[in-house]
N, C-alpha and C. Protein backbone atom coordinates (compact mmCIF):
# COMPACT_ATOMS: atom_id res chain seq x y z
N UNK A 1 -35.90 -51.11 -28.63
CA UNK A 1 -34.50 -51.43 -28.91
C UNK A 1 -33.93 -50.37 -29.83
N UNK A 2 -32.68 -50.05 -29.61
CA UNK A 2 -32.00 -49.06 -30.43
C UNK A 2 -31.64 -49.66 -31.78
N UNK A 3 -31.61 -48.83 -32.80
CA UNK A 3 -31.21 -49.27 -34.13
C UNK A 3 -29.72 -49.59 -34.13
N UNK A 4 -29.31 -50.52 -34.94
CA UNK A 4 -27.90 -50.88 -35.03
C UNK A 4 -27.08 -49.66 -35.41
N UNK A 5 -26.00 -49.46 -34.68
CA UNK A 5 -25.11 -48.35 -34.97
C UNK A 5 -25.57 -47.01 -34.45
N UNK A 6 -26.64 -46.98 -33.70
CA UNK A 6 -27.17 -45.70 -33.23
C UNK A 6 -26.92 -45.46 -31.74
N UNK A 7 -26.39 -46.44 -31.04
CA UNK A 7 -26.28 -46.34 -29.60
C UNK A 7 -25.02 -47.05 -29.13
N UNK A 8 -24.30 -46.45 -28.22
CA UNK A 8 -23.13 -47.09 -27.62
C UNK A 8 -23.23 -46.92 -26.11
N UNK A 9 -23.20 -48.02 -25.39
CA UNK A 9 -23.17 -47.99 -23.93
C UNK A 9 -21.84 -48.58 -23.48
N UNK A 10 -21.21 -47.95 -22.51
CA UNK A 10 -19.95 -48.43 -21.97
C UNK A 10 -20.13 -48.67 -20.48
N UNK A 11 -20.01 -49.91 -20.06
CA UNK A 11 -20.11 -50.23 -18.63
C UNK A 11 -18.74 -50.05 -17.99
N UNK A 12 -18.70 -49.33 -16.89
CA UNK A 12 -17.45 -49.12 -16.18
C UNK A 12 -17.34 -50.12 -15.03
N UNK A 13 -16.13 -50.63 -14.79
CA UNK A 13 -15.98 -51.59 -13.70
C UNK A 13 -16.23 -50.94 -12.35
N UNK A 14 -16.77 -51.71 -11.43
CA UNK A 14 -17.03 -51.23 -10.08
C UNK A 14 -15.86 -51.60 -9.19
N UNK A 15 -15.40 -50.66 -8.40
CA UNK A 15 -14.29 -50.87 -7.48
C UNK A 15 -14.79 -50.60 -6.07
N UNK A 16 -14.78 -51.60 -5.22
CA UNK A 16 -15.32 -51.43 -3.87
C UNK A 16 -14.54 -50.40 -3.06
N UNK A 17 -13.31 -50.10 -3.47
CA UNK A 17 -12.53 -49.08 -2.77
C UNK A 17 -13.07 -47.68 -3.05
N UNK A 18 -13.89 -47.57 -4.07
CA UNK A 18 -14.50 -46.29 -4.40
C UNK A 18 -13.82 -45.59 -5.55
N UNK A 19 -14.49 -44.58 -6.04
CA UNK A 19 -13.99 -43.79 -7.15
C UNK A 19 -14.10 -42.32 -6.80
N UNK A 20 -13.12 -41.56 -7.21
CA UNK A 20 -13.16 -40.11 -7.05
C UNK A 20 -12.93 -39.45 -8.39
N UNK A 21 -12.60 -38.18 -8.37
CA UNK A 21 -12.42 -37.40 -9.59
C UNK A 21 -11.40 -38.03 -10.53
N UNK A 22 -10.26 -38.46 -9.99
CA UNK A 22 -9.19 -38.99 -10.84
C UNK A 22 -9.62 -40.28 -11.54
N UNK A 23 -10.34 -41.14 -10.85
CA UNK A 23 -10.78 -42.40 -11.46
C UNK A 23 -11.76 -42.16 -12.60
N UNK A 24 -12.69 -41.24 -12.40
CA UNK A 24 -13.66 -40.94 -13.47
C UNK A 24 -12.97 -40.26 -14.65
N UNK A 25 -12.02 -39.36 -14.39
CA UNK A 25 -11.30 -38.69 -15.48
C UNK A 25 -10.49 -39.72 -16.28
N UNK A 26 -9.87 -40.65 -15.58
CA UNK A 26 -9.10 -41.70 -16.25
C UNK A 26 -10.01 -42.56 -17.14
N UNK A 27 -11.17 -42.95 -16.61
CA UNK A 27 -12.12 -43.75 -17.40
C UNK A 27 -12.58 -42.98 -18.63
N UNK A 28 -12.82 -41.69 -18.48
CA UNK A 28 -13.25 -40.88 -19.62
C UNK A 28 -12.16 -40.85 -20.68
N UNK A 29 -10.92 -40.62 -20.26
CA UNK A 29 -9.81 -40.48 -21.21
C UNK A 29 -9.41 -41.78 -21.89
N UNK A 30 -9.39 -42.89 -21.16
CA UNK A 30 -8.86 -44.12 -21.75
C UNK A 30 -9.93 -45.07 -22.27
N UNK A 31 -11.18 -44.88 -21.88
CA UNK A 31 -12.22 -45.80 -22.30
C UNK A 31 -13.35 -45.10 -23.06
N UNK A 32 -13.96 -44.13 -22.45
CA UNK A 32 -15.17 -43.53 -23.03
C UNK A 32 -14.87 -42.68 -24.25
N UNK A 33 -13.93 -41.73 -24.15
CA UNK A 33 -13.66 -40.86 -25.31
C UNK A 33 -13.12 -41.63 -26.51
N UNK A 34 -12.19 -42.58 -26.35
CA UNK A 34 -11.75 -43.34 -27.53
C UNK A 34 -12.90 -44.08 -28.23
N UNK A 35 -13.80 -44.68 -27.46
CA UNK A 35 -14.96 -45.36 -28.07
C UNK A 35 -15.86 -44.34 -28.75
N UNK A 36 -16.08 -43.22 -28.09
CA UNK A 36 -16.94 -42.18 -28.66
C UNK A 36 -16.35 -41.62 -29.95
N UNK A 37 -15.04 -41.42 -30.00
CA UNK A 37 -14.41 -40.90 -31.23
C UNK A 37 -14.59 -41.88 -32.39
N UNK A 38 -14.48 -43.17 -32.12
CA UNK A 38 -14.70 -44.17 -33.17
C UNK A 38 -16.14 -44.14 -33.66
N UNK A 39 -17.06 -43.93 -32.75
CA UNK A 39 -18.48 -43.87 -33.08
C UNK A 39 -18.82 -42.60 -33.86
N UNK A 40 -18.06 -41.51 -33.61
CA UNK A 40 -18.23 -40.22 -34.29
C UNK A 40 -19.67 -39.68 -34.17
N UNK A 41 -20.12 -39.41 -32.95
CA UNK A 41 -21.50 -38.93 -32.78
C UNK A 41 -21.69 -37.52 -33.33
N UNK A 42 -22.90 -37.22 -33.75
CA UNK A 42 -23.22 -35.85 -34.17
C UNK A 42 -23.85 -35.06 -33.03
N UNK A 43 -24.20 -35.76 -31.96
CA UNK A 43 -24.68 -35.14 -30.72
C UNK A 43 -24.34 -36.10 -29.58
N UNK A 44 -24.04 -35.55 -28.43
CA UNK A 44 -23.74 -36.35 -27.25
C UNK A 44 -24.81 -36.06 -26.20
N UNK A 45 -25.50 -37.11 -25.76
CA UNK A 45 -26.50 -36.98 -24.70
C UNK A 45 -25.98 -37.72 -23.48
N UNK A 46 -25.95 -37.03 -22.35
CA UNK A 46 -25.42 -37.60 -21.12
C UNK A 46 -26.53 -37.74 -20.10
N UNK A 47 -26.72 -38.95 -19.58
CA UNK A 47 -27.62 -39.16 -18.45
C UNK A 47 -26.81 -38.77 -17.22
N UNK A 48 -26.96 -37.52 -16.80
CA UNK A 48 -26.12 -36.93 -15.77
C UNK A 48 -26.65 -37.23 -14.38
N UNK A 49 -26.22 -38.36 -13.85
CA UNK A 49 -26.58 -38.73 -12.49
C UNK A 49 -25.50 -38.25 -11.53
N UNK A 50 -25.90 -37.76 -10.41
CA UNK A 50 -24.94 -37.24 -9.44
C UNK A 50 -24.89 -38.10 -8.18
N UNK A 51 -25.25 -39.37 -8.32
CA UNK A 51 -25.14 -40.31 -7.20
C UNK A 51 -23.67 -40.44 -6.78
N UNK A 52 -22.75 -40.20 -7.70
CA UNK A 52 -21.33 -40.34 -7.40
C UNK A 52 -20.76 -39.15 -6.64
N UNK A 53 -21.59 -38.15 -6.36
CA UNK A 53 -21.12 -36.99 -5.62
C UNK A 53 -20.75 -37.38 -4.19
N UNK A 54 -19.67 -36.82 -3.74
CA UNK A 54 -19.24 -37.06 -2.36
C UNK A 54 -20.38 -36.69 -1.41
N UNK A 55 -20.76 -37.62 -0.54
CA UNK A 55 -21.82 -37.36 0.42
C UNK A 55 -23.19 -37.83 0.00
N UNK A 56 -23.34 -38.29 -1.24
CA UNK A 56 -24.65 -38.77 -1.69
C UNK A 56 -24.92 -40.14 -1.06
N UNK A 57 -26.09 -40.34 -0.44
CA UNK A 57 -26.36 -41.61 0.24
C UNK A 57 -26.47 -42.81 -0.70
N UNK A 58 -26.77 -42.59 -1.96
CA UNK A 58 -26.89 -43.71 -2.91
C UNK A 58 -25.57 -44.04 -3.58
N UNK A 59 -24.60 -43.18 -3.49
CA UNK A 59 -23.32 -43.39 -4.14
C UNK A 59 -22.25 -43.84 -3.17
N UNK A 60 -22.55 -44.85 -2.39
CA UNK A 60 -21.61 -45.34 -1.38
C UNK A 60 -20.28 -45.69 -2.04
N UNK A 61 -19.21 -45.11 -1.55
CA UNK A 61 -17.88 -45.38 -2.10
C UNK A 61 -17.45 -44.41 -3.18
N UNK A 62 -18.34 -43.55 -3.62
CA UNK A 62 -17.97 -42.57 -4.64
C UNK A 62 -17.64 -41.25 -3.97
N UNK A 63 -16.66 -40.55 -4.54
CA UNK A 63 -16.17 -39.33 -3.91
C UNK A 63 -15.96 -38.21 -4.93
N UNK A 64 -16.82 -38.07 -5.89
CA UNK A 64 -16.63 -37.04 -6.91
C UNK A 64 -17.02 -35.68 -6.36
N UNK A 65 -16.29 -34.67 -6.79
CA UNK A 65 -16.51 -33.30 -6.32
C UNK A 65 -17.18 -32.47 -7.42
N UNK A 66 -17.75 -31.32 -7.05
CA UNK A 66 -18.31 -30.43 -8.08
C UNK A 66 -17.28 -30.06 -9.15
N UNK A 67 -16.04 -29.80 -8.75
CA UNK A 67 -15.00 -29.47 -9.73
C UNK A 67 -14.71 -30.65 -10.65
N UNK A 68 -14.75 -31.86 -10.11
CA UNK A 68 -14.54 -33.05 -10.93
C UNK A 68 -15.63 -33.22 -11.98
N UNK A 69 -16.88 -33.02 -11.57
CA UNK A 69 -17.99 -33.09 -12.54
C UNK A 69 -17.83 -32.01 -13.62
N UNK A 70 -17.42 -30.82 -13.22
CA UNK A 70 -17.24 -29.72 -14.18
C UNK A 70 -16.15 -30.06 -15.19
N UNK A 71 -15.04 -30.62 -14.71
CA UNK A 71 -13.95 -30.99 -15.63
C UNK A 71 -14.39 -32.08 -16.60
N UNK A 72 -15.15 -33.07 -16.12
CA UNK A 72 -15.64 -34.13 -17.01
C UNK A 72 -16.55 -33.54 -18.09
N UNK A 73 -17.44 -32.66 -17.70
CA UNK A 73 -18.37 -32.05 -18.65
C UNK A 73 -17.62 -31.24 -19.69
N UNK A 74 -16.63 -30.48 -19.25
CA UNK A 74 -15.84 -29.66 -20.19
C UNK A 74 -15.12 -30.53 -21.21
N UNK A 75 -14.74 -31.75 -20.82
CA UNK A 75 -14.03 -32.65 -21.73
C UNK A 75 -14.91 -33.19 -22.85
N UNK A 76 -16.20 -32.95 -22.79
CA UNK A 76 -17.10 -33.44 -23.84
C UNK A 76 -17.27 -32.44 -24.98
N UNK A 77 -16.53 -31.35 -24.93
CA UNK A 77 -16.67 -30.30 -25.93
C UNK A 77 -16.06 -30.65 -27.28
N UNK A 78 -16.04 -29.66 -28.19
CA UNK A 78 -15.64 -29.90 -29.57
C UNK A 78 -14.19 -30.35 -29.75
N UNK A 79 -13.30 -30.03 -28.82
CA UNK A 79 -11.91 -30.48 -28.97
C UNK A 79 -11.78 -31.98 -28.73
N UNK A 80 -12.58 -32.52 -27.83
CA UNK A 80 -12.51 -33.95 -27.53
C UNK A 80 -13.35 -34.78 -28.49
N UNK A 81 -14.50 -34.23 -28.90
CA UNK A 81 -15.41 -34.95 -29.81
C UNK A 81 -15.79 -34.03 -30.97
N UNK A 82 -14.87 -33.83 -31.92
CA UNK A 82 -15.13 -32.87 -33.00
C UNK A 82 -16.34 -33.20 -33.85
N UNK A 83 -16.69 -34.47 -33.98
CA UNK A 83 -17.84 -34.84 -34.82
C UNK A 83 -19.15 -34.27 -34.28
N UNK A 84 -19.22 -34.01 -32.98
CA UNK A 84 -20.45 -33.48 -32.37
C UNK A 84 -20.51 -31.95 -32.42
N UNK A 85 -19.40 -31.32 -32.80
CA UNK A 85 -19.36 -29.85 -32.95
C UNK A 85 -19.88 -29.13 -31.70
N UNK A 86 -19.61 -29.68 -30.52
CA UNK A 86 -20.04 -29.04 -29.29
C UNK A 86 -21.48 -29.28 -28.90
N UNK A 87 -22.20 -30.09 -29.67
CA UNK A 87 -23.61 -30.38 -29.33
C UNK A 87 -23.65 -31.45 -28.24
N UNK A 88 -23.86 -30.99 -27.01
CA UNK A 88 -23.90 -31.87 -25.85
C UNK A 88 -25.14 -31.53 -25.04
N UNK A 89 -25.92 -32.54 -24.72
CA UNK A 89 -27.10 -32.36 -23.87
C UNK A 89 -26.94 -33.19 -22.61
N UNK A 90 -27.22 -32.58 -21.48
CA UNK A 90 -27.14 -33.28 -20.20
C UNK A 90 -28.54 -33.36 -19.60
N UNK A 91 -28.96 -34.57 -19.29
CA UNK A 91 -30.29 -34.81 -18.72
C UNK A 91 -30.09 -35.22 -17.27
N UNK A 92 -30.67 -34.45 -16.36
CA UNK A 92 -30.49 -34.73 -14.94
C UNK A 92 -31.17 -36.04 -14.57
N UNK A 93 -30.43 -36.89 -13.90
CA UNK A 93 -30.97 -38.16 -13.42
C UNK A 93 -30.84 -38.20 -11.91
N UNK A 94 -29.96 -39.04 -11.38
CA UNK A 94 -29.85 -39.23 -9.94
C UNK A 94 -29.10 -38.13 -9.23
N UNK A 95 -29.15 -38.21 -7.93
CA UNK A 95 -28.53 -37.26 -7.02
C UNK A 95 -29.50 -37.05 -5.88
N UNK A 96 -29.14 -37.54 -4.70
CA UNK A 96 -30.12 -37.61 -3.62
C UNK A 96 -29.68 -36.87 -2.36
N UNK A 97 -28.63 -36.08 -2.47
CA UNK A 97 -28.19 -35.20 -1.39
C UNK A 97 -28.37 -33.78 -1.91
N UNK A 98 -29.45 -33.10 -1.52
CA UNK A 98 -29.76 -31.79 -2.12
C UNK A 98 -28.61 -30.80 -2.13
N UNK A 99 -27.84 -30.70 -1.06
CA UNK A 99 -26.75 -29.73 -1.04
C UNK A 99 -25.65 -30.10 -2.03
N UNK A 100 -25.29 -31.39 -2.07
CA UNK A 100 -24.27 -31.83 -3.02
C UNK A 100 -24.76 -31.67 -4.45
N UNK A 101 -26.02 -32.01 -4.70
CA UNK A 101 -26.59 -31.88 -6.04
C UNK A 101 -26.57 -30.43 -6.50
N UNK A 102 -26.94 -29.52 -5.61
CA UNK A 102 -26.95 -28.09 -5.95
C UNK A 102 -25.57 -27.60 -6.34
N UNK A 103 -24.53 -28.08 -5.66
CA UNK A 103 -23.16 -27.66 -5.98
C UNK A 103 -22.68 -28.26 -7.30
N UNK A 104 -23.11 -29.48 -7.60
CA UNK A 104 -22.63 -30.17 -8.79
C UNK A 104 -23.30 -29.69 -10.07
N UNK A 105 -24.55 -29.31 -9.98
CA UNK A 105 -25.28 -28.89 -11.17
C UNK A 105 -24.95 -27.45 -11.45
């Protein structure tokens, strides 16, 4: 178990109509970044799963593009989360369509 005050998880609602770049960017801007700023992390670790990539067999209904993933990652920098001073680590998790995964990473 995580120590109190050391971990923040944000569950995003599931929409059967699917999600694309705009939906994920909106969630980052209105939900994730405001919570993260309140938490004031000194480092940001991202479990970077690419199941949401367009064409991934496990991400049914998701339509994220390589450019969308790049824009989300760029938003985690020092201007959005100054307390982390640009310290961001991405750990590769899911992604089951090799061609889509190669483009997204």
